[in-house]
Amino acid sequence: MTNDSPTVDETVNSNPFNRGVIEEFRANGGRVKDFGDIPLLLLTTTGRRSGLSRTTPLVHLHRDGRYVIFAANGGADSAPGWYRNLMAAGEGEAEVGSRRFTVRPEPVPEPEHEELWRLQAAQDPNFAGFRSRTDRTIPVLALVPVTGAG
């Protein structure tokens, strides 16, 4: 696969790298070579202003039946668009492996944040510095499968 001409349309995700990740994820049952063993999921949310569906690849932790995600945005001073859209809609669609299911976001209680950050940074070292790049509190969410899903 090359990222030069992904078959995933720009309306799904405007970032060419992400479109390539989405294409490879879907073609390989959730595996993406560049991410190795780091678990990925695809999260599809509906734009709170545009009403359009957008899909974003996210690394995650699978704990206690929940898919834990971090609205880090690489340590930027603003939360990522997927986070704002997910919270506004109250639900989204997750793809894990070859399964798709509806999820609802559930903020993880702050007492759990440190342990989850430690685990996430051990799994994906990129996360180690995200919190030091911003003054905002980075939201940690659990994507909880809606009954009958996932």
N, C-alpha and C. Protein backbone atom coordinates (compact mmCIF):
# COMPACT_ATOMS: atom_id res chain seq x y z
N MET A 1 0.84 -1.19 0.00
CA MET A 1 0.00 0.00 0.00
C MET A 1 0.87 1.24 0.00
N THR A 2 0.48 2.23 -0.72
CA THR A 2 1.15 3.51 -0.68
C THR A 2 0.16 4.57 -0.24
N ASN A 3 0.66 5.60 0.38
CA ASN A 3 -0.21 6.68 0.82
C ASN A 3 -0.43 7.70 -0.29
N ASP A 4 0.17 7.47 -1.47
CA ASP A 4 0.04 8.42 -2.56
C ASP A 4 -1.38 8.45 -3.13
N SER A 5 -2.05 7.31 -3.16
CA SER A 5 -3.39 7.28 -3.74
C SER A 5 -4.29 6.31 -2.97
N PRO A 6 -4.57 6.64 -1.70
CA PRO A 6 -5.42 5.75 -0.94
C PRO A 6 -6.84 5.71 -1.52
N THR A 7 -7.50 4.57 -1.35
CA THR A 7 -8.86 4.45 -1.84
C THR A 7 -9.87 5.05 -0.87
N VAL A 8 -9.43 5.36 0.34
CA VAL A 8 -10.32 6.01 1.30
C VAL A 8 -10.47 7.47 0.88
N ASP A 9 -11.70 7.89 0.71
CA ASP A 9 -12.02 9.23 0.22
C ASP A 9 -11.65 10.31 1.24
N GLU A 10 -11.30 11.48 0.75
CA GLU A 10 -10.95 12.61 1.61
C GLU A 10 -12.09 13.00 2.55
N THR A 11 -13.32 12.71 2.17
CA THR A 11 -14.44 13.06 3.05
C THR A 11 -14.45 12.20 4.31
N VAL A 12 -13.76 11.06 4.28
CA VAL A 12 -13.68 10.19 5.46
C VAL A 12 -12.68 10.77 6.46
N ASN A 13 -11.53 11.26 5.95
CA ASN A 13 -10.50 11.88 6.77
C ASN A 13 -9.66 12.74 5.84
N SER A 14 -9.45 13.99 6.19
CA SER A 14 -8.74 14.91 5.29
C SER A 14 -7.22 14.72 5.31
N ASN A 15 -6.69 13.97 6.26
CA ASN A 15 -5.25 13.76 6.37
C ASN A 15 -4.83 12.56 5.53
N PRO A 16 -3.95 12.76 4.54
CA PRO A 16 -3.54 11.64 3.67
C PRO A 16 -2.93 10.46 4.42
N PHE A 17 -2.11 10.73 5.45
CA PHE A 17 -1.52 9.64 6.23
C PHE A 17 -2.63 8.82 6.90
N ASN A 18 -3.58 9.51 7.54
CA ASN A 18 -4.68 8.81 8.21
C ASN A 18 -5.52 8.00 7.22
N ARG A 19 -5.75 8.54 6.03
CA ARG A 19 -6.51 7.79 5.02
C ARG A 19 -5.80 6.49 4.69
N GLY A 20 -4.48 6.54 4.57
CA GLY A 20 -3.70 5.32 4.31
C GLY A 20 -3.80 4.33 5.45
N VAL A 21 -3.77 4.82 6.69
CA VAL A 21 -3.91 3.96 7.87
C VAL A 21 -5.28 3.30 7.87
N ILE A 22 -6.31 4.08 7.59
CA ILE A 22 -7.69 3.55 7.56
C ILE A 22 -7.81 2.45 6.51
N GLU A 23 -7.26 2.72 5.32
CA GLU A 23 -7.33 1.73 4.25
C GLU A 23 -6.62 0.44 4.65
N GLU A 24 -5.41 0.56 5.19
CA GLU A 24 -4.65 -0.63 5.59
C GLU A 24 -5.34 -1.37 6.73
N PHE A 25 -5.87 -0.62 7.70
CA PHE A 25 -6.60 -1.21 8.82
C PHE A 25 -7.74 -2.08 8.31
N ARG A 26 -8.54 -1.51 7.43
CA ARG A 26 -9.72 -2.23 6.91
C ARG A 26 -9.34 -3.40 6.02
N ALA A 27 -8.25 -3.28 5.31
CA ALA A 27 -7.81 -4.37 4.41
C ALA A 27 -7.17 -5.53 5.17
N ASN A 28 -6.68 -5.26 6.39
CA ASN A 28 -5.91 -6.27 7.13
C ASN A 28 -6.50 -6.60 8.50
N GLY A 29 -7.80 -6.47 8.65
CA GLY A 29 -8.45 -6.87 9.90
C GLY A 29 -7.94 -6.13 11.12
N GLY A 30 -7.59 -4.87 10.94
CA GLY A 30 -7.18 -4.05 12.07
C GLY A 30 -5.68 -3.92 12.26
N ARG A 31 -4.91 -4.58 11.44
CA ARG A 31 -3.44 -4.51 11.55
C ARG A 31 -2.90 -3.43 10.61
N VAL A 32 -1.95 -2.64 11.13
CA VAL A 32 -1.29 -1.62 10.33
C VAL A 32 0.20 -1.74 10.60
N LYS A 33 0.93 -2.06 9.56
CA LYS A 33 2.35 -2.38 9.67
C LYS A 33 3.14 -1.33 10.46
N ASP A 34 2.96 -0.07 10.15
CA ASP A 34 3.75 0.98 10.81
C ASP A 34 3.50 1.08 12.32
N PHE A 35 2.41 0.51 12.81
CA PHE A 35 2.09 0.58 14.23
C PHE A 35 2.49 -0.69 14.98
N GLY A 36 2.96 -1.70 14.26
CA GLY A 36 3.42 -2.93 14.92
C GLY A 36 2.34 -3.53 15.80
N ASP A 37 2.68 -3.75 17.06
CA ASP A 37 1.74 -4.36 18.00
C ASP A 37 0.90 -3.35 18.77
N ILE A 38 1.05 -2.08 18.47
CA ILE A 38 0.25 -1.07 19.16
C ILE A 38 -1.18 -1.19 18.66
N PRO A 39 -2.13 -1.43 19.57
CA PRO A 39 -3.52 -1.63 19.12
C PRO A 39 -4.15 -0.33 18.62
N LEU A 40 -4.80 -0.46 17.48
CA LEU A 40 -5.51 0.66 16.87
C LEU A 40 -6.99 0.35 16.81
N LEU A 41 -7.77 1.40 16.80
CA LEU A 41 -9.18 1.30 16.46
C LEU A 41 -9.50 2.46 15.55
N LEU A 42 -10.58 2.34 14.84
CA LEU A 42 -11.09 3.45 14.04
C LEU A 42 -12.32 3.97 14.74
N LEU A 43 -12.39 5.28 14.91
CA LEU A 43 -13.54 5.91 15.52
C LEU A 43 -14.20 6.81 14.50
N THR A 44 -15.47 6.58 14.25
CA THR A 44 -16.23 7.42 13.33
C THR A 44 -17.19 8.27 14.14
N THR A 45 -17.10 9.57 13.95
CA THR A 45 -17.96 10.52 14.64
C THR A 45 -18.69 11.37 13.61
N THR A 46 -19.74 12.03 14.06
CA THR A 46 -20.50 12.93 13.21
C THR A 46 -20.16 14.35 13.60
N GLY A 47 -19.79 15.16 12.62
CA GLY A 47 -19.42 16.54 12.88
C GLY A 47 -20.56 17.31 13.52
N ARG A 48 -20.26 17.99 14.59
CA ARG A 48 -21.29 18.73 15.34
C ARG A 48 -21.80 19.93 14.55
N ARG A 49 -20.99 20.46 13.64
CA ARG A 49 -21.43 21.58 12.79
C ARG A 49 -21.73 21.13 11.38
N SER A 50 -20.88 20.25 10.83
CA SER A 50 -21.03 19.85 9.43
C SER A 50 -22.07 18.75 9.25
N GLY A 51 -22.25 17.92 10.28
CA GLY A 51 -23.15 16.78 10.15
C GLY A 51 -22.54 15.63 9.34
N LEU A 52 -21.27 15.78 8.94
CA LEU A 52 -20.60 14.76 8.14
C LEU A 52 -19.88 13.74 9.01
N SER A 53 -19.82 12.51 8.55
CA SER A 53 -19.09 11.46 9.25
C SER A 53 -17.61 11.57 8.94
N ARG A 54 -16.81 11.42 9.98
CA ARG A 54 -15.35 11.44 9.84
C ARG A 54 -14.80 10.26 10.63
N THR A 55 -13.78 9.61 10.09
CA THR A 55 -13.16 8.45 10.73
C THR A 55 -11.73 8.80 11.10
N THR A 56 -11.35 8.45 12.32
CA THR A 56 -10.02 8.75 12.83
C THR A 56 -9.40 7.49 13.41
N PRO A 57 -8.18 7.15 13.01
CA PRO A 57 -7.47 6.04 13.65
C PRO A 57 -6.93 6.51 15.01
N LEU A 58 -7.12 5.69 16.02
CA LEU A 58 -6.66 6.01 17.37
C LEU A 58 -5.98 4.81 18.00
N VAL A 59 -4.90 5.05 18.72
CA VAL A 59 -4.34 3.98 19.54
C VAL A 59 -5.20 3.91 20.79
N HIS A 60 -5.23 2.74 21.41
CA HIS A 60 -6.08 2.59 22.58
C HIS A 60 -5.54 1.51 23.52
N LEU A 61 -6.11 1.50 24.71
CA LEU A 61 -5.90 0.42 25.68
C LEU A 61 -7.21 -0.33 25.80
N HIS A 62 -7.16 -1.63 25.86
CA HIS A 62 -8.38 -2.40 26.11
C HIS A 62 -8.32 -2.85 27.56
N ARG A 63 -9.20 -2.29 28.39
CA ARG A 63 -9.21 -2.60 29.82
C ARG A 63 -10.63 -2.72 30.33
N ASP A 64 -10.86 -3.80 31.06
CA ASP A 64 -12.16 -3.99 31.72
C ASP A 64 -13.34 -3.87 30.76
N GLY A 65 -13.19 -4.40 29.55
CA GLY A 65 -14.27 -4.37 28.57
C GLY A 65 -14.46 -3.02 27.92
N ARG A 66 -13.56 -2.10 28.20
CA ARG A 66 -13.65 -0.75 27.65
C ARG A 66 -12.47 -0.52 26.72
N TYR A 67 -12.66 0.33 25.76
CA TYR A 67 -11.59 0.78 24.88
C TYR A 67 -11.21 2.18 25.33
N VAL A 68 -10.06 2.31 25.99
CA VAL A 68 -9.64 3.58 26.57
C VAL A 68 -8.85 4.37 25.53
N ILE A 69 -9.29 5.61 25.30
CA ILE A 69 -8.64 6.49 24.33
C ILE A 69 -8.28 7.80 25.01
N PHE A 70 -7.36 8.52 24.40
CA PHE A 70 -6.80 9.74 24.99
C PHE A 70 -6.95 10.87 23.99
N ALA A 71 -7.60 11.96 24.40
CA ALA A 71 -7.81 13.11 23.51
C ALA A 71 -6.58 14.02 23.56
N ALA A 72 -5.41 13.44 23.27
CA ALA A 72 -4.14 14.13 23.43
C ALA A 72 -3.87 15.14 22.32
N ASN A 73 -4.26 14.83 21.11
CA ASN A 73 -4.00 15.70 19.96
C ASN A 73 -2.52 16.04 19.88
N GLY A 74 -1.67 15.05 20.18
CA GLY A 74 -0.23 15.24 20.11
C GLY A 74 0.31 16.24 21.12
N GLY A 75 -0.50 16.57 22.14
CA GLY A 75 -0.08 17.55 23.14
C GLY A 75 -0.42 18.98 22.74
N ALA A 76 -1.26 19.14 21.72
CA ALA A 76 -1.67 20.48 21.30
C ALA A 76 -2.54 21.13 22.38
N ASP A 77 -2.65 22.46 22.31
CA ASP A 77 -3.42 23.19 23.31
C ASP A 77 -4.93 23.06 23.15
N SER A 78 -5.39 22.43 22.07
CA SER A 78 -6.83 22.22 21.91
C SER A 78 -7.12 20.73 21.74
N ALA A 79 -8.29 20.35 22.15
CA ALA A 79 -8.71 18.95 22.01
C ALA A 79 -8.94 18.64 20.54
N PRO A 80 -8.75 17.39 20.15
CA PRO A 80 -8.98 17.03 18.74
C PRO A 80 -10.46 17.14 18.37
N GLY A 81 -10.72 17.36 17.08
CA GLY A 81 -12.09 17.47 16.60
C GLY A 81 -12.92 16.24 16.89
N TRP A 82 -12.33 15.04 16.77
CA TRP A 82 -13.10 13.82 17.04
C TRP A 82 -13.65 13.82 18.46
N TYR A 83 -12.87 14.35 19.40
CA TYR A 83 -13.31 14.39 20.81
C TYR A 83 -14.52 15.32 20.95
N ARG A 84 -14.42 16.51 20.41
CA ARG A 84 -15.55 17.46 20.52
C ARG A 84 -16.80 16.91 19.84
N ASN A 85 -16.62 16.27 18.69
CA ASN A 85 -17.77 15.69 17.97
C ASN A 85 -18.36 14.51 18.73
N LEU A 86 -17.52 13.65 19.26
CA LEU A 86 -18.00 12.48 20.02
C LEU A 86 -18.79 12.91 21.25
N MET A 87 -18.26 13.87 21.97
CA MET A 87 -18.94 14.32 23.18
C MET A 87 -20.27 15.01 22.84
N ALA A 88 -20.30 15.77 21.75
CA ALA A 88 -21.54 16.45 21.36
C ALA A 88 -22.60 15.45 20.92
N ALA A 89 -22.20 14.41 20.19
CA ALA A 89 -23.16 13.42 19.69
C ALA A 89 -23.56 12.40 20.76
N GLY A 90 -22.65 12.13 21.69
CA GLY A 90 -22.96 11.15 22.73
C GLY A 90 -22.73 9.70 22.31
N GLU A 91 -22.36 9.50 21.06
CA GLU A 91 -22.01 8.16 20.59
C GLU A 91 -21.28 8.25 19.26
N GLY A 92 -20.64 7.15 18.92
CA GLY A 92 -19.92 7.06 17.66
C GLY A 92 -19.86 5.59 17.27
N GLU A 93 -19.08 5.30 16.25
CA GLU A 93 -18.91 3.92 15.81
C GLU A 93 -17.43 3.57 15.90
N ALA A 94 -17.14 2.44 16.54
CA ALA A 94 -15.76 1.96 16.64
C ALA A 94 -15.59 0.76 15.73
N GLU A 95 -14.39 0.66 15.18
CA GLU A 95 -13.97 -0.53 14.44
C GLU A 95 -12.74 -1.07 15.15
N VAL A 96 -12.86 -2.31 15.59
CA VAL A 96 -11.75 -3.00 16.25
C VAL A 96 -11.58 -4.31 15.49
N GLY A 97 -10.40 -4.49 14.90
CA GLY A 97 -10.23 -5.64 14.03
C GLY A 97 -11.21 -5.50 12.87
N SER A 98 -12.00 -6.53 12.65
CA SER A 98 -12.99 -6.47 11.57
C SER A 98 -14.40 -6.22 12.10
N ARG A 99 -14.52 -5.92 13.40
CA ARG A 99 -15.83 -5.67 14.00
C ARG A 99 -16.13 -4.18 14.04
N ARG A 100 -17.40 -3.84 13.81
CA ARG A 100 -17.89 -2.47 13.92
C ARG A 100 -19.04 -2.47 14.91
N PHE A 101 -19.04 -1.48 15.79
CA PHE A 101 -20.12 -1.40 16.78
C PHE A 101 -20.25 0.01 17.32
N THR A 102 -21.43 0.31 17.82
CA THR A 102 -21.73 1.62 18.39
C THR A 102 -21.15 1.69 19.79
N VAL A 103 -20.56 2.86 20.10
CA VAL A 103 -19.99 3.09 21.43
C VAL A 103 -20.47 4.42 21.96
N ARG A 104 -20.45 4.52 23.27
CA ARG A 104 -20.72 5.80 23.90
C ARG A 104 -19.48 6.19 24.70
N PRO A 105 -19.16 7.48 24.75
CA PRO A 105 -17.99 7.91 25.49
C PRO A 105 -18.31 8.04 26.98
N GLU A 106 -17.39 7.61 27.79
CA GLU A 106 -17.54 7.72 29.23
C GLU A 106 -16.23 8.26 29.79
N PRO A 107 -16.25 9.48 30.35
CA PRO A 107 -15.01 10.01 30.92
C PRO A 107 -14.48 9.07 32.00
N VAL A 108 -13.19 8.82 31.96
CA VAL A 108 -12.55 7.97 32.96
C VAL A 108 -12.29 8.83 34.19
N PRO A 109 -12.64 8.36 35.38
CA PRO A 109 -12.39 9.15 36.60
C PRO A 109 -10.90 9.50 36.75
N GLU A 110 -10.62 10.73 37.18
CA GLU A 110 -9.24 11.19 37.30
C GLU A 110 -8.33 10.28 38.12
N PRO A 111 -8.81 9.63 39.17
CA PRO A 111 -7.89 8.74 39.90
C PRO A 111 -7.30 7.61 39.05
N GLU A 112 -7.92 7.30 37.91
CA GLU A 112 -7.40 6.26 37.02
C GLU A 112 -6.42 6.79 35.99
N HIS A 113 -6.37 8.11 35.81
CA HIS A 113 -5.57 8.69 34.72
C HIS A 113 -4.10 8.31 34.78
N GLU A 114 -3.47 8.43 35.93
CA GLU A 114 -2.02 8.17 36.01
C GLU A 114 -1.67 6.76 35.59
N GLU A 115 -2.42 5.79 36.09
CA GLU A 115 -2.13 4.40 35.72
C GLU A 115 -2.34 4.18 34.22
N LEU A 116 -3.43 4.73 33.68
CA LEU A 116 -3.71 4.57 32.25
C LEU A 116 -2.65 5.26 31.39
N TRP A 117 -2.21 6.45 31.79
CA TRP A 117 -1.14 7.14 31.05
C TRP A 117 0.14 6.32 31.08
N ARG A 118 0.46 5.75 32.25
CA ARG A 118 1.67 4.94 32.37
C ARG A 118 1.59 3.75 31.43
N LEU A 119 0.46 3.06 31.43
CA LEU A 119 0.28 1.91 30.56
C LEU A 119 0.33 2.30 29.09
N GLN A 120 -0.30 3.41 28.75
CA GLN A 120 -0.32 3.86 27.36
C GLN A 120 1.08 4.27 26.90
N ALA A 121 1.82 4.97 27.74
CA ALA A 121 3.18 5.39 27.38
C ALA A 121 4.10 4.18 27.23
N ALA A 122 3.87 3.13 28.03
CA ALA A 122 4.67 1.91 27.89
C ALA A 122 4.35 1.22 26.57
N GLN A 123 3.09 1.28 26.18
CA GLN A 123 2.64 0.65 24.93
C GLN A 123 3.04 1.48 23.71
N ASP A 124 2.97 2.80 23.83
CA ASP A 124 3.28 3.71 22.73
C ASP A 124 4.08 4.88 23.31
N PRO A 125 5.41 4.84 23.21
CA PRO A 125 6.26 5.87 23.80
C PRO A 125 5.95 7.30 23.36
N ASN A 126 5.27 7.48 22.23
CA ASN A 126 4.89 8.83 21.80
C ASN A 126 4.06 9.55 22.86
N PHE A 127 3.33 8.82 23.66
CA PHE A 127 2.44 9.43 24.65
C PHE A 127 3.19 10.01 25.84
N ALA A 128 4.42 9.59 26.05
CA ALA A 128 5.17 10.01 27.23
C ALA A 128 5.25 11.53 27.37
N GLY A 129 5.40 12.25 26.28
CA GLY A 129 5.57 13.70 26.36
C GLY A 129 4.35 14.54 26.09
N PHE A 130 3.24 13.94 25.72
CA PHE A 130 2.07 14.74 25.32
C PHE A 130 1.60 15.70 26.40
N ARG A 131 1.50 15.24 27.65
CA ARG A 131 0.96 16.11 28.71
C ARG A 131 1.88 17.27 29.01
N SER A 132 3.19 17.10 28.81
CA SER A 132 4.13 18.19 29.12
C SER A 132 4.10 19.30 28.06
N ARG A 133 3.45 19.05 26.93
CA ARG A 133 3.39 20.04 25.84
C ARG A 133 2.23 21.02 25.97
N THR A 134 1.34 20.76 26.92
CA THR A 134 0.14 21.60 27.02
C THR A 134 -0.23 21.83 28.48
N ASP A 135 -0.95 22.92 28.71
CA ASP A 135 -1.46 23.21 30.05
C ASP A 135 -2.85 22.63 30.28
N ARG A 136 -3.49 22.17 29.20
CA ARG A 136 -4.85 21.65 29.37
C ARG A 136 -4.81 20.24 29.96
N THR A 137 -5.87 19.88 30.62
CA THR A 137 -6.02 18.51 31.08
C THR A 137 -6.50 17.69 29.90
N ILE A 138 -5.73 16.66 29.56
CA ILE A 138 -6.08 15.84 28.40
C ILE A 138 -7.15 14.83 28.81
N PRO A 139 -8.31 14.87 28.19
CA PRO A 139 -9.37 13.94 28.55
C PRO A 139 -9.00 12.48 28.23
N VAL A 140 -9.37 11.62 29.16
CA VAL A 140 -9.22 10.17 28.98
C VAL A 140 -10.64 9.61 28.96
N LEU A 141 -10.96 8.89 27.90
CA LEU A 141 -12.31 8.37 27.72
C LEU A 141 -12.30 6.86 27.58
N ALA A 142 -13.37 6.27 28.04
CA ALA A 142 -13.63 4.86 27.74
C ALA A 142 -14.72 4.85 26.68
N LEU A 143 -14.48 4.07 25.64
CA LEU A 143 -15.53 3.84 24.65
C LEU A 143 -16.23 2.56 25.08
N VAL A 144 -17.44 2.71 25.52
CA VAL A 144 -18.20 1.59 26.06
C VAL A 144 -19.17 1.10 24.98
N PRO A 145 -19.05 -0.17 24.59
CA PRO A 145 -20.00 -0.68 23.59
C PRO A 145 -21.44 -0.53 24.07
N VAL A 146 -22.30 -0.06 23.18
CA VAL A 146 -23.72 0.06 23.49
C VAL A 146 -24.28 -1.36 23.57
N THR A 147 -25.18 -1.60 24.48
CA THR A 147 -25.76 -2.93 24.67
C THR A 147 -26.10 -3.58 23.35
N GLY A 148 -25.66 -4.81 23.21
CA GLY A 148 -25.92 -5.55 21.99
C GLY A 148 -24.85 -5.34 20.93
N ALA A 149 -23.87 -4.48 21.22
CA ALA A 149 -22.79 -4.22 20.27
C ALA A 149 -21.47 -4.71 20.86
N GLY A 150 -20.44 -4.76 20.01
CA GLY A 150 -19.07 -5.01 20.38
C GLY A 150 -18.85 -6.19 21.21
